[in-house]
């Protein structure tokens, strides 16, 4: 391995660790947390009359090619009243007890941080990629959400329970999507499990009906491409868009539905919940202006159904430019946040998903709100008191929102450092870009090749989100993740 290769990845790792610390996130586990993880020798399996044995169902996971922290499995099963989709979520609480040293670290960071150079897991890898991960051919404890479906794609009813499950196939988004689209043969592991091909076809059909129904109700069909680093060994080669596909849509639909079912279950049991909300966008007027510039009209007040219909028309009319429009809308919608909902309160809902009942519950290896929700679910199932006080949950909602925002900033900054590495030999080159941010703090532009975002330091007057510009690269600063552009005259 060359010195150049080592310098590239190691340089980004050092930057990532420093930014983690600056943002109040802990890059390392405490000695006590490491000792707790080392003491765990095997996955915990529990017995009881309320715990079902569902290991024989054709469970499979679909995730990124390199994902090792597997949180969910899914399967379609026939019921006397019709088809049901079952979503199994890793029971992390069975190994991570409230108040433990591992729990303290998870509660501090609240999320795994996925930087371009290194992953900083919320839980020790001994758990998140092994003992509490739903790994292939391993028996694991899980909370299972059963979604009983109507033929049109609605969730007619749902339930939550505990079970022992077994992942029969660890699959990846891209290869499953290529197979579903008829572009490639089925992945080897899919072929190795009898009947799994038919099983996934059924799941895909259900998910597409669910997706169509949600979009009719105002869910936004946004199409963005997050940049993913491409390494050759330890040498950074590129930042490439991570595109959506049919397999990702399948998992997304099941997770949205499972999170909704979880929120309703807790409400029915008289339990509080940590809701994930996205309020009506404050910059709706700018979204209206973007639509007007494209010859479209949107109502003066925020309306997700009207916005969804507008986006669908633009996708059909101009597919190549739709990701840029999507990115602009996402920036203008703002960020989601966590909010405590008490029994009897009305949920504010999630504007982008067009759902009222929504919590985060399906990724407890990666997000602390999901682990806290899991503890609420288990207490409700077992008739125990609420495991958190109202004050604790209020503080958790605030803290998780802040830490998630800081984690996202860490990920973005390290990605910018990676982009600066790729661009440091291209100063004075010119690029086409789209404005992604405009405020008192500065004006930001995104270019496509490589997928990178930087600050406009000259010629930014009168620009706003969604404007297309021609820019010149002025300078880069890898350590600080700075990429500076100037807008060219007559852009």
Protein backbone atom coordinates (compact mmCIF):
# COMPACT_ATOMS: atom_id res chain seq x y z
CA UNK A 1 0.00 0.00 0.00
CA UNK A 2 1.48 3.35 -1.04
CA UNK A 3 2.14 6.23 1.32
CA UNK A 4 -0.22 8.34 -0.77
CA UNK A 5 -3.06 5.88 -0.15
CA UNK A 6 -2.43 5.89 3.59
CA UNK A 7 -2.26 9.66 3.78
CA UNK A 8 -5.60 10.07 1.98
CA UNK A 9 -7.82 7.95 4.26
CA UNK A 10 -5.88 8.71 7.43
CA UNK A 11 -6.12 12.43 6.73
CA UNK A 12 -9.89 12.20 6.50
CA UNK A 13 -10.08 10.02 9.63
CA UNK A 14 -8.19 12.61 11.65
CA UNK A 15 -10.50 15.32 10.36
CA UNK A 16 -13.56 13.22 11.22
CA UNK A 17 -12.43 12.61 14.80
CA UNK A 18 -11.65 16.28 15.34
CA UNK A 19 -15.01 17.42 13.97
CA UNK A 20 -16.82 14.85 16.14
CA UNK A 21 -15.22 16.34 19.24
CA UNK A 22 -15.89 19.91 18.14
CA UNK A 23 -19.58 19.09 17.71
CA UNK A 24 -19.89 17.54 21.17
CA UNK A 25 -19.99 13.93 19.95
CA UNK A 26 -17.85 11.19 21.49
CA UNK A 27 -15.72 9.32 18.91
CA UNK A 28 -14.64 6.64 21.40
CA UNK A 29 -16.39 4.39 23.90
CA UNK A 30 -15.53 4.68 27.58
CA UNK A 31 -13.52 1.88 29.23
CA UNK A 32 -16.69 0.89 31.11
CA UNK A 33 -18.69 0.60 27.88
CA UNK A 34 -15.95 -1.43 26.23
CA UNK A 35 -15.81 -3.74 29.24
CA UNK A 36 -19.58 -4.29 29.11
CA UNK A 37 -19.37 -5.13 25.41
CA UNK A 38 -16.44 -7.51 25.95
CA UNK A 39 -18.37 -9.33 28.66
CA UNK A 40 -21.14 -10.28 26.21
CA UNK A 41 -20.36 -13.70 24.80
CA UNK A 42 -23.50 -14.59 22.86
CA UNK A 43 -26.78 -13.12 21.69
CA UNK A 44 -29.50 -13.12 24.33
CA UNK A 45 -32.49 -15.32 23.49
CA UNK A 46 -35.55 -15.20 25.74
CA UNK A 47 -38.46 -17.56 26.21
CA UNK A 48 -42.01 -16.89 27.29
CA UNK A 49 -45.61 -17.44 26.33
CA UNK A 50 -45.76 -14.01 24.66
CA UNK A 51 -42.61 -14.57 22.59
CA UNK A 52 -43.35 -16.27 19.28
CA UNK A 53 -40.95 -18.50 17.38
CA UNK A 54 -40.95 -17.10 13.84
CA UNK A 55 -37.57 -18.42 12.70
CA UNK A 56 -39.05 -20.56 9.92
CA UNK A 57 -40.57 -17.61 8.05
CA UNK A 58 -38.69 -16.49 4.93
CA UNK A 59 -37.12 -13.43 6.55
CA UNK A 60 -34.55 -11.45 4.58
CA UNK A 61 -32.71 -8.17 5.02
CA UNK A 62 -32.06 -5.60 2.29
CA UNK A 63 -29.52 -2.89 3.03
CA UNK A 64 -26.41 -1.24 1.59
CA UNK A 65 -23.74 -3.55 0.24
CA UNK A 66 -21.37 -2.72 3.09
CA UNK A 67 -23.90 -2.52 5.95
CA UNK A 68 -23.14 -4.75 8.92
CA UNK A 69 -25.54 -3.23 11.48
CA UNK A 70 -28.74 -4.90 10.30
CA UNK A 71 -31.84 -3.54 12.04
CA UNK A 72 -34.79 -4.90 10.04
CA UNK A 73 -36.10 -7.97 8.27
CA UNK A 74 -39.34 -8.31 6.33
CA UNK A 75 -41.59 -11.10 5.10
CA UNK A 76 -45.05 -11.42 3.52
CA UNK A 77 -47.43 -14.00 4.98
CA UNK A 78 -50.94 -15.10 4.16
CA UNK A 79 -53.64 -14.62 6.77
CA UNK A 80 -57.29 -15.76 6.69
CA UNK A 81 -58.30 -12.12 6.23
CA UNK A 82 -55.64 -11.45 3.57
CA UNK A 83 -51.98 -10.64 3.14
CA UNK A 84 -49.81 -9.29 5.96
CA UNK A 85 -46.36 -7.74 5.91
CA UNK A 86 -44.24 -8.51 8.96
CA UNK A 87 -41.33 -6.23 9.89
CA UNK A 88 -38.86 -7.57 12.45
CA UNK A 89 -36.77 -4.98 14.30
CA UNK A 90 -33.66 -6.02 16.23
CA UNK A 91 -34.30 -6.16 19.99
CA UNK A 92 -31.34 -4.08 21.15
CA UNK A 93 -32.75 -3.43 24.61
CA UNK A 94 -32.34 -7.12 25.45
CA UNK A 95 -28.57 -6.54 25.53
CA UNK A 96 -28.29 -2.78 26.21
CA UNK A 97 -29.91 -2.06 29.54
CA UNK A 98 -31.15 1.40 30.48
CA UNK A 99 -28.55 3.09 32.65
CA UNK A 100 -25.62 0.92 31.52
CA UNK A 101 -22.34 2.41 30.32
CA UNK A 102 -23.15 1.41 26.74
CA UNK A 103 -26.55 3.08 27.10
CA UNK A 104 -24.88 6.24 28.41
CA UNK A 105 -22.66 6.49 25.33
CA UNK A 106 -25.61 5.85 23.02
CA UNK A 107 -27.68 8.46 24.83
CA UNK A 108 -24.86 11.01 24.52
CA UNK A 109 -24.32 10.64 20.76
CA UNK A 110 -27.90 9.46 19.98
CA UNK A 111 -26.90 8.19 16.53
CA UNK A 112 -24.23 6.41 14.54
CA UNK A 113 -22.21 8.87 12.49
CA UNK A 114 -21.37 7.74 8.95
CA UNK A 115 -18.49 9.87 7.67
CA UNK A 116 -16.69 9.52 4.36
CA UNK A 117 -13.64 8.14 6.17
CA UNK A 118 -14.95 6.17 9.14
CA UNK A 119 -18.13 5.03 10.87
CA UNK A 120 -18.54 6.05 14.51
CA UNK A 121 -21.16 3.54 15.72
CA UNK A 122 -23.66 4.42 18.43
CA UNK A 123 -23.13 0.96 19.96
CA UNK A 124 -19.91 -1.05 20.19
CA UNK A 125 -19.44 -3.16 17.08
CA UNK A 126 -19.53 -6.28 19.26
CA UNK A 127 -23.24 -5.51 19.52
CA UNK A 128 -24.28 -3.45 16.49
CA UNK A 129 -22.63 -5.66 13.87
CA UNK A 130 -22.87 -8.93 15.79
CA UNK A 131 -24.97 -9.72 18.87
CA UNK A 132 -27.81 -7.25 18.24
CA UNK A 133 -27.57 -7.24 14.45
CA UNK A 134 -30.03 -9.41 12.52
CA UNK A 135 -27.20 -11.27 10.83
CA UNK A 136 -27.74 -13.98 8.26
CA UNK A 137 -28.23 -17.51 9.64
CA UNK A 138 -28.35 -16.30 13.26
CA UNK A 139 -31.23 -16.51 15.76
CA UNK A 140 -32.10 -13.12 17.23
CA UNK A 141 -34.70 -11.50 19.46
CA UNK A 142 -36.91 -8.97 17.69
CA UNK A 143 -39.97 -6.82 17.99
CA UNK A 144 -42.30 -7.70 15.13
CA UNK A 145 -44.77 -5.25 13.63
CA UNK A 146 -47.53 -6.99 11.70
CA UNK A 147 -49.20 -4.90 9.00
CA UNK A 148 -52.43 -6.45 7.76
CA UNK A 149 -52.92 -5.08 4.28
CA UNK A 150 -56.00 -4.25 2.26
CA UNK A 151 -55.82 -4.93 -1.50
CA UNK A 152 -55.31 -1.25 -2.37
CA UNK A 153 -52.20 -0.91 -0.21
CA UNK A 154 -53.71 0.47 2.98
CA UNK A 155 -52.78 -0.86 6.40
CA UNK A 156 -56.13 -2.19 7.57
CA UNK A 157 -54.85 -3.01 11.06
CA UNK A 158 -51.59 -3.65 12.83
CA UNK A 159 -50.10 -5.20 15.94
CA UNK A 160 -46.79 -5.36 17.76
CA UNK A 161 -45.24 -8.37 19.51
CA UNK A 162 -42.00 -10.08 20.47
CA UNK A 163 -40.45 -13.01 18.64
CA UNK A 164 -37.34 -14.99 17.84
CA UNK A 165 -36.41 -14.58 14.16
CA UNK A 166 -33.74 -15.76 11.73
CA UNK A 167 -32.41 -13.88 8.72
CA UNK A 168 -32.24 -16.35 5.82
CA UNK A 169 -30.70 -13.95 3.27
CA UNK A 170 -28.58 -10.83 3.63
CA UNK A 171 -29.33 -8.92 0.43
CA UNK A 172 -28.21 -5.58 -0.99
CA UNK A 173 -30.27 -2.75 -2.48
CA UNK A 174 -28.55 -2.42 -5.83
CA UNK A 175 -28.49 -6.11 -6.79
CA UNK A 176 -32.10 -6.68 -5.63
CA UNK A 177 -33.27 -3.60 -7.53
CA UNK A 178 -31.48 -4.70 -10.70
CA UNK A 179 -33.20 -8.11 -10.42
CA UNK A 180 -36.63 -6.60 -9.72
CA UNK A 181 -36.20 -4.36 -12.78
CA UNK A 182 -35.23 -7.36 -14.94
CA UNK A 183 -31.73 -6.09 -15.64
CA UNK A 184 -29.78 -8.89 -13.97
CA UNK A 185 -30.35 -12.43 -12.65
CA UNK A 186 -31.34 -12.87 -9.02
CA UNK A 187 -28.48 -12.47 -6.50
CA UNK A 188 -26.87 -15.74 -5.47
CA UNK A 189 -28.20 -15.73 -1.91
CA UNK A 190 -31.71 -14.96 -3.12
CA UNK A 191 -31.56 -17.99 -5.42
CA UNK A 192 -30.26 -20.17 -2.59
CA UNK A 193 -33.40 -19.75 -0.43
CA UNK A 194 -36.37 -21.69 -1.89
CA UNK A 195 -39.33 -19.46 -2.63
CA UNK A 196 -37.58 -16.21 -1.70
CA UNK A 197 -37.85 -14.90 -5.26
CA UNK A 198 -41.66 -15.15 -5.14
CA UNK A 199 -41.64 -13.74 -1.62
CA UNK A 200 -39.77 -10.60 -2.68
CA UNK A 201 -41.96 -10.13 -5.75
CA UNK A 202 -44.99 -10.07 -3.47
CA UNK A 203 -43.34 -7.61 -1.10
CA UNK A 204 -42.40 -5.36 -4.02
CA UNK A 205 -45.98 -5.35 -5.34
CA UNK A 206 -47.35 -4.44 -1.91
CA UNK A 207 -44.74 -1.72 -1.42
CA UNK A 208 -45.50 -0.13 -4.80
CA UNK A 209 -49.22 -0.02 -3.96
CA UNK A 210 -48.40 1.54 -0.59
CA UNK A 211 -46.16 4.07 -2.28
CA UNK A 212 -48.79 5.07 -4.83
CA UNK A 213 -51.38 5.49 -2.09
CA UNK A 214 -49.12 7.67 0.04
CA UNK A 215 -48.30 9.91 -2.89
CA UNK A 216 -51.98 10.31 -3.67
CA UNK A 217 -52.32 11.52 -0.09
CA UNK A 218 -49.60 14.13 -0.45
CA UNK A 219 -46.33 12.31 0.27
CA UNK A 220 -43.49 13.98 -1.61
CA UNK A 221 -41.70 11.93 -4.30
CA UNK A 222 -38.31 13.58 -3.96
CA UNK A 223 -35.29 12.24 -5.79
CA UNK A 224 -31.96 13.27 -4.38
CA UNK A 225 -28.60 11.61 -4.79
CA UNK A 226 -26.45 11.69 -1.67
CA UNK A 227 -22.77 11.50 -2.45
CA UNK A 228 -20.90 8.37 -1.41
CA UNK A 229 -17.10 8.15 -1.34
CA UNK A 230 -15.43 5.68 -3.66
CA UNK A 231 -12.08 4.36 -2.44
CA UNK A 232 -9.47 2.23 -4.17
CA UNK A 233 -7.81 0.77 -1.12
CA UNK A 234 -7.26 3.88 1.02
CA UNK A 235 -7.12 6.27 -1.95
CA UNK A 236 -10.20 8.42 -2.48
CA UNK A 237 -11.15 8.17 -6.16
CA UNK A 238 -14.55 9.86 -6.46
CA UNK A 239 -17.78 11.01 -4.85
CA UNK A 240 -20.68 9.39 -6.66
CA UNK A 241 -24.41 9.89 -6.26
CA UNK A 242 -26.19 7.18 -4.29
CA UNK A 243 -29.38 6.85 -6.34
CA UNK A 244 -32.77 5.65 -5.17
CA UNK A 245 -34.06 2.38 -6.55
CA UNK A 246 -36.97 -0.05 -6.30
CA UNK A 247 -35.43 -2.08 -3.44
CA UNK A 248 -34.87 1.07 -1.39
CA UNK A 249 -38.49 2.07 -2.04
CA UNK A 250 -39.63 -1.34 -0.78
CA UNK A 251 -37.82 -0.93 2.53
CA UNK A 252 -38.82 2.74 2.84
CA UNK A 253 -42.53 1.93 2.52
CA UNK A 254 -42.38 -0.86 5.09
CA UNK A 255 -40.43 1.30 7.53
CA UNK A 256 -42.84 4.24 7.21
CA UNK A 257 -45.76 1.89 7.81
CA UNK A 258 -44.07 0.13 10.73
CA UNK A 259 -43.19 3.45 12.36
CA UNK A 260 -46.78 4.58 11.99
CA UNK A 261 -48.07 1.34 13.49
CA UNK A 262 -45.67 1.74 16.42
CA UNK A 263 -46.89 5.27 17.12
CA UNK A 264 -50.53 4.17 17.05
CA UNK A 265 -49.83 1.17 19.29
CA UNK A 266 -48.27 3.35 21.98
CA UNK A 267 -51.15 5.83 21.75
CA UNK A 268 -53.70 3.02 22.11
CA UNK A 269 -51.88 1.78 25.21
CA UNK A 270 -51.93 5.26 26.74
CA UNK A 271 -48.15 5.60 26.49
CA UNK A 272 -46.18 8.70 25.48
CA UNK A 273 -44.01 8.56 22.38
CA UNK A 274 -41.14 10.35 20.72
CA UNK A 275 -42.66 11.50 17.44
CA UNK A 276 -40.63 12.40 14.38
CA UNK A 277 -42.18 15.56 12.95
CA UNK A 278 -41.54 17.82 9.97
CA UNK A 279 -43.52 20.99 10.37
CA UNK A 280 -45.00 23.01 7.52
CA UNK A 281 -42.13 24.71 5.68
CA UNK A 282 -41.35 28.28 6.68
CA UNK A 283 -39.92 28.98 3.21
CA UNK A 284 -43.06 27.91 1.35
CA UNK A 285 -43.07 31.23 -0.55
CA UNK A 286 -39.75 30.32 -2.16
CA UNK A 287 -41.12 26.91 -3.17
CA UNK A 288 -44.07 28.74 -4.75
CA UNK A 289 -41.60 30.98 -6.61
CA UNK A 290 -39.64 27.98 -7.92
CA UNK A 291 -42.87 26.50 -9.24
CA UNK A 292 -43.84 29.81 -10.84
CA UNK A 293 -40.48 30.00 -12.62
CA UNK A 294 -41.34 26.62 -14.18
CA UNK A 295 -44.77 27.78 -15.32
CA UNK A 296 -46.63 26.11 -12.44
CA UNK A 297 -48.85 27.41 -9.65
CA UNK A 298 -48.93 26.36 -6.00
CA UNK A 299 -51.32 27.63 -3.33
CA UNK A 300 -50.21 30.48 -1.08
CA UNK A 301 -50.35 28.25 2.03
CA UNK A 302 -48.34 25.03 2.50
CA UNK A 303 -50.11 22.09 0.86
CA UNK A 304 -48.26 18.76 0.60
CA UNK A 305 -50.79 17.29 -1.86
CA UNK A 306 -50.37 20.20 -4.28
CA UNK A 307 -46.59 20.10 -3.88
CA UNK A 308 -46.55 16.35 -4.47
CA UNK A 309 -48.59 16.71 -7.67
CA UNK A 310 -46.27 19.49 -8.88
CA UNK A 311 -43.20 17.33 -8.24
CA UNK A 312 -44.74 14.38 -10.08
CA UNK A 313 -45.42 16.57 -13.13
CA UNK A 314 -41.87 17.93 -13.10
CA UNK A 315 -40.41 14.43 -12.84
CA UNK A 316 -42.30 13.45 -16.02
CA UNK A 317 -41.55 16.70 -17.83
CA UNK A 318 -37.81 17.01 -17.10
CA UNK A 319 -36.26 13.85 -15.57
CA UNK A 320 -32.59 14.97 -15.90
CA UNK A 321 -33.17 18.12 -13.86
CA UNK A 322 -35.59 16.64 -11.33
CA UNK A 323 -32.86 15.75 -8.76
CA UNK A 324 -31.80 19.41 -8.69
CA UNK A 325 -35.39 20.53 -8.11
CA UNK A 326 -35.76 17.88 -5.41
CA UNK A 327 -32.63 19.11 -3.65
CA UNK A 328 -33.94 22.68 -3.68
CA UNK A 329 -37.28 21.62 -2.21
CA UNK A 330 -35.61 19.54 0.50
CA UNK A 331 -33.48 22.49 1.56
CA UNK A 332 -36.56 24.71 1.72
CA UNK A 333 -38.63 22.17 3.66
CA UNK A 334 -36.22 22.30 6.57
CA UNK A 335 -35.17 19.60 9.02
CA UNK A 336 -37.22 17.09 10.94
CA UNK A 337 -37.16 17.00 14.73
CA UNK A 338 -38.23 14.88 17.66
CA UNK A 339 -41.20 15.91 19.78
CA UNK A 340 -42.83 14.33 22.81
CA UNK A 341 -46.44 13.33 22.33
CA UNK A 342 -48.42 12.61 25.47
CA UNK A 343 -51.55 10.44 25.60
CA UNK A 344 -54.56 12.27 24.21
CA UNK A 345 -52.54 14.82 22.25
CA UNK A 346 -52.93 15.26 18.51
CA UNK A 347 -49.84 14.47 16.45
CA UNK A 348 -48.45 17.32 14.36
CA UNK A 349 -47.28 14.85 11.74
CA UNK A 350 -44.64 14.74 9.05
CA UNK A 351 -45.23 17.15 6.16
CA UNK A 352 -42.93 15.36 3.70
CA UNK A 353 -44.31 11.87 4.34
CA UNK A 354 -47.92 13.08 4.62
CA UNK A 355 -48.51 11.03 7.77
CA UNK A 356 -49.84 12.07 11.17
CA UNK A 357 -48.68 9.10 13.24
CA UNK A 358 -44.94 8.70 12.94
CA UNK A 359 -42.13 7.76 15.28
CA UNK A 360 -38.66 6.32 14.79
CA UNK A 361 -38.55 2.69 15.87
CA UNK A 362 -36.93 0.61 13.13
CA UNK A 363 -33.18 1.31 13.58
CA UNK A 364 -32.28 0.76 17.26
CA UNK A 365 -28.69 -0.24 16.47
CA UNK A 366 -28.14 3.16 14.85
CA UNK A 367 -30.48 5.68 16.56
CA UNK A 368 -31.21 6.24 20.25
CA UNK A 369 -34.83 7.43 19.77
CA UNK A 370 -35.54 4.00 18.28
CA UNK A 371 -34.00 2.29 21.30
CA UNK A 372 -36.02 4.46 23.68
CA UNK A 373 -39.17 3.70 21.67
CA UNK A 374 -38.34 0.00 21.89
CA UNK A 375 -38.28 0.24 25.67
CA UNK A 376 -41.65 1.98 25.63
CA UNK A 377 -43.06 -0.77 23.39
CA UNK A 378 -41.80 -3.58 25.58
CA UNK A 379 -43.17 -1.94 28.72
CA UNK A 380 -46.55 -1.48 27.05
CA UNK A 381 -46.57 -5.10 25.88
CA UNK A 382 -45.69 -6.42 29.32
CA UNK A 383 -47.96 -4.14 31.34
CA UNK A 384 -45.06 -2.36 33.06
CA UNK A 385 -44.87 1.36 33.89
CA UNK A 386 -43.46 3.84 31.37
CA UNK A 387 -39.65 3.46 31.65
CA UNK A 388 -38.96 7.19 31.22
CA UNK A 389 -40.42 10.16 33.05
CA UNK A 390 -42.13 12.96 31.15
CA UNK A 391 -39.15 15.19 31.92
CA UNK A 392 -36.71 12.58 30.61
CA UNK A 393 -38.64 12.19 27.36
CA UNK A 394 -38.91 15.95 26.87
CA UNK A 395 -35.16 16.29 27.33
CA UNK A 396 -34.50 13.28 25.10
CA UNK A 397 -36.54 14.81 22.27
CA UNK A 398 -34.57 18.04 22.49
CA UNK A 399 -31.18 16.33 22.88
CA UNK A 400 -31.76 13.81 20.08
CA UNK A 401 -32.78 16.59 17.70
CA UNK A 402 -29.67 18.61 18.51
CA UNK A 403 -27.29 15.64 18.34
CA UNK A 404 -28.78 14.37 15.08
CA UNK A 405 -28.28 17.84 13.60
CA UNK A 406 -24.69 17.90 14.83
CA UNK A 407 -24.05 14.39 13.49
CA UNK A 408 -25.37 15.47 10.10
CA UNK A 409 -23.04 18.47 10.19
CA UNK A 410 -20.11 16.17 10.96
CA UNK A 411 -21.01 13.93 8.02
CA UNK A 412 -21.38 16.93 5.71
CA UNK A 413 -18.13 18.52 6.83
CA UNK A 414 -16.10 15.35 6.33
CA UNK A 415 -17.78 14.88 2.95
CA UNK A 416 -16.76 18.43 2.09
CA UNK A 417 -13.19 17.63 3.16
CA UNK A 418 -13.31 14.60 0.86
CA UNK A 419 -14.60 16.78 -1.96
CA UNK A 420 -11.90 19.35 -1.26
CA UNK A 421 -9.33 16.56 -1.59
CA UNK A 422 -10.69 15.65 -5.00
CA UNK A 423 -10.81 19.30 -6.10
CA UNK A 424 -7.56 20.66 -4.67
CA UNK A 425 -5.77 20.20 -8.03
CA UNK A 426 -8.64 21.77 -10.02
CA UNK A 427 -8.54 25.39 -8.85
CA UNK A 428 -9.77 27.84 -11.55
CA UNK A 429 -11.80 25.15 -13.32
CA UNK A 430 -15.42 26.05 -14.10
CA UNK A 431 -18.56 24.10 -13.19
CA UNK A 432 -22.33 24.22 -13.58
CA UNK A 433 -24.09 24.35 -10.23
CA UNK A 434 -27.34 24.91 -8.38
CA UNK A 435 -27.79 27.13 -5.34
CA UNK A 436 -28.63 24.98 -2.31
CA UNK A 437 -28.62 27.55 0.47
CA UNK A 438 -29.01 31.30 0.84
CA UNK A 439 -29.09 33.08 4.19
CA UNK A 440 -27.23 35.61 6.30
CA UNK A 441 -24.65 32.88 6.94
CA UNK A 442 -23.79 32.55 3.27
CA UNK A 443 -24.80 31.25 -0.14
CA UNK A 444 -24.05 27.67 -1.14
CA UNK A 445 -23.77 25.93 -4.49
CA UNK A 446 -23.66 22.25 -5.44
CA UNK A 447 -21.78 20.91 -8.46
CA UNK A 448 -22.28 17.45 -9.96
CA UNK A 449 -18.85 16.05 -10.90
CA UNK A 450 -17.66 15.36 -8.31
CA UNK A 451 -20.82 15.69 -6.23
CA UNK A 452 -19.69 18.54 -3.99
CA UNK A 453 -21.06 21.61 -2.23
CA UNK A 454 -19.19 24.82 -1.57
CA UNK A 455 -19.66 28.47 -0.64
CA UNK A 456 -20.09 31.29 -3.14
CA UNK A 457 -17.74 34.00 -1.90
CA UNK A 458 -18.03 36.31 -4.92
CA UNK A 459 -21.09 37.18 -6.98
CA UNK A 460 -23.65 35.78 -4.54
CA UNK A 461 -25.91 38.86 -4.44
CA UNK A 462 -29.59 38.23 -5.27
CA UNK A 463 -29.16 34.46 -5.54
CA UNK A 464 -31.62 32.09 -3.89
CA UNK A 465 -32.17 28.36 -3.50
CA UNK A 466 -32.81 26.69 -6.85
CA UNK A 467 -30.99 29.23 -9.02
CA UNK A 468 -28.66 27.74 -11.64
CA UNK A 469 -25.21 29.27 -11.90
CA UNK A 470 -21.86 28.87 -13.62
CA UNK A 471 -19.03 29.05 -11.09
CA UNK A 472 -15.25 29.05 -10.91
CA UNK A 473 -13.39 27.17 -8.18
CA UNK A 474 -11.26 29.66 -6.25
CA UNK A 475 -9.71 27.60 -3.46
CA UNK A 476 -10.02 24.55 -1.22
CA UNK A 477 -9.12 23.86 2.39
CA UNK A 478 -9.22 20.12 3.11
CA UNK A 479 -8.82 20.33 6.90
CA UNK A 480 -11.73 22.75 7.30
CA UNK A 481 -13.80 21.33 4.46
CA UNK A 482 -13.93 24.68 2.64
CA UNK A 483 -14.61 24.90 -1.09
CA UNK A 484 -14.96 28.46 -2.37
CA UNK A 485 -16.54 29.47 -5.69
CA UNK A 486 -17.11 32.66 -7.63
CA UNK A 487 -20.15 33.17 -9.84
CA UNK A 488 -19.12 33.94 -13.41
CA UNK A 489 -20.49 37.05 -15.03
CA UNK A 490 -23.47 36.43 -17.27
CA UNK A 491 -24.16 33.03 -15.68
